[in-house]
Amino acid sequence: MQIQIPLHDIDDEFRAAHDQRLDALRESLPRLHETARTQVESLPALADAAFACAGFHYVHDPEATQVVGGLRLCQEALVALFASAGTPGPSTRFVGLADVTYAQKPPAAAVNIDRWLDAYFLSLIIGDLDAMQLLCAFPSATLRASPTPGAAHRHALKEALRAWLAKDADVIRPIAAAIIAAIDEPADPHEKFKATALAVPPLNVFRYIVERDEVKFNGAMWDAVEEHRRFWSRSPDSARDPRGFISLELTGLLAMAAGAGLACGVRTPYLPRHLIREPRSARPSP
């Protein structure tokens, strides 16, 4: 059975300014790209602009080539950020059609768990196995020591993703720890609402993927997409945020489910399944 969940409503004023918004991004992206070729601290701004470009194109035309290009550039910039932060010496990564070498390290505040998770789920969606392995090797202690450390449940999710990629037997334990932290941790009402809507439902999806329970997986995915829609439609400003147009986390979990042989009956613009690629490694086989 298939369940259709539409994109949340976006106001006419926002849609009418689509061309001007993209013109501004098209003007800023080359400048950010050029700066990021020599300044590692510019990688987060490049990633943010690339993702915004992909999102704004997506809400207008999901099949636009700029969607794939923007998400890939965002992924390359974020992976380069963590490669440079985690490598003792200079690091070289492919960013925007060219190899770039960084001798310096990025600011500690830029290297945080939220960007790590974005990089991981983007890599999962596009099937970049080498990037996923690089990210999982990044020290958890460094992320926890960041001036912008993020919520405890996000760090527990990282440990669960690392365990899943390593095919560890005990993946459920860090997922359960993440669920408990997401429920118990936030004291601020907005953060509590955010955790309830955006943290707990995807963790349930992850759990049922690990357990290979297709029925519960589909029920959890339906709930997670509905909560995502509810969170991003809570106000006109949030409805305009490109982070709400595509759920990187749920789309990444959809890619994970496909690899586990689970069929998903949820059909929604929040899960652009046409962007999902088979996991692959660019490294030669031994």
Protein backbone atom coordinates (compact mmCIF):
# COMPACT_ATOMS: atom_id res chain seq x y z
CA MET A 1 0.00 0.00 0.00
CA GLN A 2 1.26 3.47 -0.88
CA ILE A 3 0.75 6.59 1.26
CA GLN A 4 0.97 10.02 -0.38
CA ILE A 5 2.13 12.96 1.76
CA PRO A 6 2.29 16.33 -0.04
CA LEU A 7 4.78 19.13 0.52
CA HIS A 8 3.63 21.75 3.01
CA ASP A 9 2.08 24.95 1.65
CA ILE A 10 4.46 27.72 0.59
CA ASP A 11 3.09 31.25 0.23
CA ASP A 12 2.65 32.89 -3.19
CA GLU A 13 5.02 35.74 -2.34
CA PHE A 14 7.85 33.28 -1.79
CA ARG A 15 7.13 31.46 -5.02
CA ALA A 16 6.90 34.73 -6.95
CA ALA A 17 10.42 35.71 -5.83
CA HIS A 18 11.86 32.36 -7.01
CA ASP A 19 13.87 33.77 -9.93
CA GLN A 20 15.36 36.65 -7.93
CA ARG A 21 16.37 34.28 -5.14
CA LEU A 22 18.13 31.93 -7.53
CA ASP A 23 19.81 34.84 -9.33
CA ALA A 24 21.33 35.93 -6.01
CA LEU A 25 22.54 32.40 -5.27
CA ARG A 26 23.98 31.97 -8.75
CA GLU A 27 25.92 35.18 -8.22
CA SER A 28 27.24 34.21 -4.78
CA LEU A 29 28.07 30.53 -5.39
CA PRO A 30 31.03 31.06 -7.78
CA ARG A 31 32.50 33.63 -5.38
CA LEU A 32 32.11 31.28 -2.41
CA HIS A 33 33.50 28.42 -4.45
CA GLU A 34 36.58 30.39 -5.42
CA THR A 35 37.16 31.52 -1.83
CA ALA A 36 36.75 27.97 -0.52
CA ARG A 37 39.51 26.76 -2.84
CA THR A 38 42.08 28.52 -0.64
CA GLN A 39 40.29 29.17 2.67
CA VAL A 40 39.07 26.10 4.53
CA GLU A 41 36.97 28.28 6.83
CA SER A 42 34.76 29.15 3.83
CA LEU A 43 33.62 25.55 3.32
CA PRO A 44 30.56 25.81 5.65
CA ALA A 45 29.28 28.91 3.81
CA LEU A 46 29.78 27.14 0.47
CA ALA A 47 27.90 24.08 1.75
CA ASP A 48 25.01 26.21 3.04
CA ALA A 49 24.69 28.13 -0.23
CA ALA A 50 24.88 24.95 -2.32
CA PHE A 51 22.17 23.31 -0.24
CA ALA A 52 19.94 26.40 -0.45
CA CYS A 53 20.39 26.44 -4.22
CA ALA A 54 19.40 22.77 -4.43
CA GLY A 55 16.39 23.31 -2.18
CA PHE A 56 15.04 26.34 -4.01
CA HIS A 57 15.40 24.60 -7.35
CA TYR A 58 13.79 21.46 -5.92
CA VAL A 59 10.64 23.18 -4.71
CA HIS A 60 10.20 24.67 -8.19
CA ASP A 61 11.29 21.62 -10.24
CA PRO A 62 12.29 18.41 -8.38
CA GLU A 63 13.96 17.03 -11.51
CA ALA A 64 16.18 20.07 -12.13
CA THR A 65 19.84 19.18 -12.63
CA GLN A 66 20.76 21.95 -10.18
CA VAL A 67 19.22 19.87 -7.38
CA VAL A 68 21.72 17.04 -7.84
CA GLY A 69 24.57 19.49 -8.47
CA GLY A 70 23.80 21.57 -5.40
CA LEU A 71 23.50 18.59 -3.07
CA ARG A 72 26.70 17.05 -4.40
CA LEU A 73 28.63 20.33 -3.96
CA CYS A 74 27.23 20.62 -0.43
CA GLN A 75 28.37 17.07 0.33
CA GLU A 76 31.84 17.64 -1.13
CA ALA A 77 32.31 20.84 0.89
CA LEU A 78 31.22 19.20 4.15
CA VAL A 79 33.34 16.09 3.64
CA ALA A 80 36.33 18.31 2.82
CA LEU A 81 35.67 20.20 6.06
CA PHE A 82 35.91 17.00 8.15
CA ALA A 83 38.81 15.62 6.13
CA SER A 84 40.84 18.77 6.79
CA ALA A 85 39.90 18.78 10.48
CA GLY A 86 40.72 15.10 10.98
CA THR A 87 43.96 14.83 9.01
CA PRO A 88 47.26 15.59 10.81
CA GLY A 89 48.82 17.24 7.76
CA PRO A 90 47.44 18.78 4.58
CA SER A 91 44.35 17.13 3.13
CA THR A 92 43.20 16.97 -0.48
CA ARG A 93 39.55 16.54 -1.45
CA PHE A 94 37.48 16.87 -4.60
CA VAL A 95 35.30 19.99 -4.29
CA GLY A 96 33.34 21.35 -7.23
CA LEU A 97 35.04 19.66 -10.18
CA ALA A 98 38.60 20.03 -8.87
CA ASP A 99 40.95 18.67 -6.21
CA VAL A 100 41.62 21.16 -3.43
CA THR A 101 44.38 20.89 -0.82
CA TYR A 102 44.03 22.50 2.60
CA ALA A 103 47.07 22.97 4.81
CA GLN A 104 45.19 24.77 7.57
CA LYS A 105 42.49 23.48 9.91
CA PRO A 106 38.94 24.84 10.01
CA PRO A 107 37.60 26.73 13.05
CA ALA A 108 36.59 24.35 15.84
CA ALA A 109 33.05 25.78 15.93
CA ALA A 110 32.50 24.80 12.29
CA VAL A 111 33.32 21.16 13.01
CA ASN A 112 30.19 20.04 14.85
CA ILE A 113 27.77 17.14 15.02
CA ASP A 114 25.03 18.79 12.97
CA ARG A 115 27.34 19.31 10.00
CA TRP A 116 28.72 15.80 10.46
CA LEU A 117 25.23 14.32 10.21
CA ASP A 118 24.42 16.41 7.13
CA ALA A 119 27.65 15.19 5.50
CA TYR A 120 26.90 11.57 6.40
CA PHE A 121 23.30 11.52 5.18
CA LEU A 122 24.24 13.31 1.95
CA SER A 123 26.99 10.73 1.40
CA LEU A 124 24.50 7.95 2.11
CA ILE A 125 22.02 9.39 -0.41
CA ILE A 126 24.56 9.72 -3.23
CA GLY A 127 26.23 6.41 -2.36
CA ASP A 128 29.70 7.76 -1.47
CA LEU A 129 30.99 4.88 0.63
CA ASP A 130 34.51 6.30 0.94
CA ALA A 131 33.14 9.53 2.43
CA MET A 132 30.95 7.59 4.88
CA GLN A 133 33.99 5.64 6.08
CA LEU A 134 36.06 8.83 6.39
CA LEU A 135 33.31 10.47 8.43
CA CYS A 136 32.87 7.46 10.72
CA ALA A 137 36.60 7.53 11.45
CA PHE A 138 36.36 11.15 12.61
CA PRO A 139 36.93 11.32 16.41
CA SER A 140 33.71 11.63 18.39
CA ALA A 141 35.64 13.42 21.13
CA THR A 142 36.48 16.24 18.71
CA LEU A 143 32.81 16.73 17.91
CA ARG A 144 31.85 16.71 21.59
CA ALA A 145 34.58 19.28 22.33
CA SER A 146 33.32 21.68 19.66
CA PRO A 147 32.23 25.14 20.87
CA THR A 148 28.93 24.21 19.17
CA PRO A 149 28.66 20.63 20.51
CA GLY A 150 24.98 19.97 19.71
CA ALA A 151 22.51 17.75 21.53
CA ALA A 152 23.50 14.45 23.13
CA HIS A 153 21.04 12.47 21.02
CA ARG A 154 22.81 13.67 17.87
CA HIS A 155 26.10 12.20 19.11
CA ALA A 156 24.37 8.94 19.97
CA LEU A 157 22.98 8.85 16.43
CA LYS A 158 26.54 9.22 15.08
CA GLU A 159 27.61 6.19 17.10
CA ALA A 160 24.65 4.21 15.76
CA LEU A 161 25.50 5.14 12.16
CA ARG A 162 29.14 4.17 12.71
CA ALA A 163 28.05 0.83 14.17
CA TRP A 164 25.70 0.21 11.25
CA LEU A 165 28.39 0.93 8.66
CA ALA A 166 30.84 -1.32 10.52
CA LYS A 167 28.16 -4.07 10.64
CA ASP A 168 28.42 -4.22 14.43
CA ALA A 169 25.92 -6.53 16.09
CA ASP A 170 24.87 -4.02 18.75
CA VAL A 171 23.42 -1.15 16.69
CA ILE A 172 20.19 -0.99 18.68
CA ARG A 173 21.97 0.13 21.88
CA PRO A 174 23.11 3.57 20.59
CA ILE A 175 19.74 4.03 18.82
CA ALA A 176 17.95 3.39 22.12
CA ALA A 177 20.35 5.78 23.89
CA ALA A 178 19.61 8.45 21.27
CA ILE A 179 15.84 8.04 21.70
CA ILE A 180 16.09 8.35 25.49
CA ALA A 181 18.32 11.43 25.21
CA ALA A 182 16.00 13.08 22.67
CA ILE A 183 13.01 12.57 24.95
CA ASP A 184 14.67 13.51 28.25
CA GLU A 185 17.28 16.10 27.32
CA PRO A 186 15.60 19.29 26.01
CA ALA A 187 14.27 21.72 28.65
CA ASP A 188 13.49 24.59 26.27
CA PRO A 189 9.95 24.16 24.80
CA HIS A 190 11.10 24.83 21.23
CA GLU A 191 13.96 22.35 21.52
CA LYS A 192 11.57 19.81 23.03
CA PHE A 193 9.19 20.27 20.07
CA LYS A 194 12.12 20.00 17.65
CA ALA A 195 13.37 16.79 19.26
CA THR A 196 9.88 15.29 19.28
CA ALA A 197 9.30 16.15 15.62
CA LEU A 198 12.74 15.76 14.02
CA ALA A 199 14.78 13.45 16.27
CA VAL A 200 12.64 10.67 17.75
CA PRO A 201 10.65 9.65 14.61
CA PRO A 202 13.75 9.11 12.39
CA LEU A 203 15.39 7.13 15.19
CA ASN A 204 12.38 4.81 15.20
CA VAL A 205 12.75 4.44 11.43
CA PHE A 206 16.43 3.54 11.91
CA ARG A 207 15.52 0.99 14.57
CA TYR A 208 13.10 -0.90 12.33
CA ILE A 209 15.58 -0.88 9.44
CA VAL A 210 18.11 -2.58 11.71
CA GLU A 211 15.44 -5.06 12.84
CA ARG A 212 14.39 -5.67 9.19
CA ASP A 213 10.73 -5.11 10.13
CA GLU A 214 9.14 -3.76 6.94
CA VAL A 215 5.66 -3.19 8.43
CA LYS A 216 6.92 -1.20 11.42
CA PHE A 217 9.45 0.56 9.20
CA ASN A 218 6.68 1.87 6.94
CA GLY A 219 4.59 2.97 9.89
CA ALA A 220 7.56 4.77 11.43
CA MET A 221 8.47 6.41 8.11
CA TRP A 222 4.90 7.68 7.67
CA ASP A 223 4.99 9.14 11.20
CA ALA A 224 8.44 10.68 10.65
CA VAL A 225 7.41 12.39 7.39
CA GLU A 226 4.23 13.73 8.98
CA GLU A 227 6.24 15.14 11.90
CA HIS A 228 8.76 16.67 9.50
CA ARG A 229 5.90 18.32 7.62
CA ARG A 230 4.34 19.57 10.86
CA PHE A 231 7.61 21.07 12.09
CA TRP A 232 8.48 22.93 8.89
CA SER A 233 4.91 24.22 8.33
CA ARG A 234 4.60 25.74 11.80
CA SER A 235 5.08 29.31 10.50
CA PRO A 236 5.46 31.14 7.17
CA ASP A 237 9.18 31.64 7.83
CA SER A 238 9.86 27.99 8.60
CA ALA A 239 7.81 26.93 5.57
CA ARG A 240 10.26 28.90 3.39
CA ASP A 241 13.38 27.25 4.85
CA PRO A 242 15.07 24.99 2.24
CA ARG A 243 15.94 22.51 5.01
CA GLY A 244 12.26 21.68 5.13
CA PHE A 245 11.84 20.88 1.43
CA ILE A 246 14.02 17.74 1.55
CA SER A 247 14.61 15.64 4.66
CA LEU A 248 18.25 14.60 4.36
CA GLU A 249 17.96 12.30 7.36
CA LEU A 250 14.83 10.47 6.19
CA THR A 251 16.04 10.25 2.60
CA GLY A 252 19.33 8.83 3.85
CA LEU A 253 17.40 6.29 5.93
CA LEU A 254 15.34 5.44 2.85
CA ALA A 255 18.61 4.66 1.04
CA MET A 256 19.66 2.53 4.01
CA ALA A 257 16.32 0.69 3.94
CA ALA A 258 16.68 -0.04 0.22
CA GLY A 259 20.08 -1.57 0.92
CA ALA A 260 18.48 -3.72 3.61
CA GLY A 261 15.84 -4.95 1.16
CA LEU A 262 12.92 -3.07 2.74
CA ALA A 263 10.24 -1.58 0.47
CA CYS A 264 8.86 1.84 1.39
CA GLY A 265 5.24 2.68 0.60
CA VAL A 266 5.51 6.36 1.61
CA ARG A 267 5.53 8.68 -1.40
CA THR A 268 6.32 12.31 -0.73
CA PRO A 269 8.45 15.18 -2.08
CA TYR A 270 10.31 15.16 1.24
CA LEU A 271 11.93 11.88 0.15
CA PRO A 272 13.40 12.41 -3.34
CA ARG A 273 14.11 8.76 -4.07
CA HIS A 274 15.32 9.59 -7.59
CA LEU A 275 18.44 11.10 -5.99
CA ILE A 276 19.43 7.87 -4.21
CA ARG A 277 22.41 5.98 -5.62
CA GLU A 278 23.86 2.56 -4.84
CA PRO A 279 26.77 2.67 -2.34
CA ARG A 280 30.10 2.55 -4.13
CA SER A 281 33.78 3.06 -3.46
CA ALA A 282 36.19 4.90 -5.74
CA ARG A 283 39.09 2.92 -4.29
CA PRO A 284 40.38 0.01 -6.37
CA SER A 285 39.57 -3.44 -5.07
CA PRO A 286 42.51 -5.18 -3.35
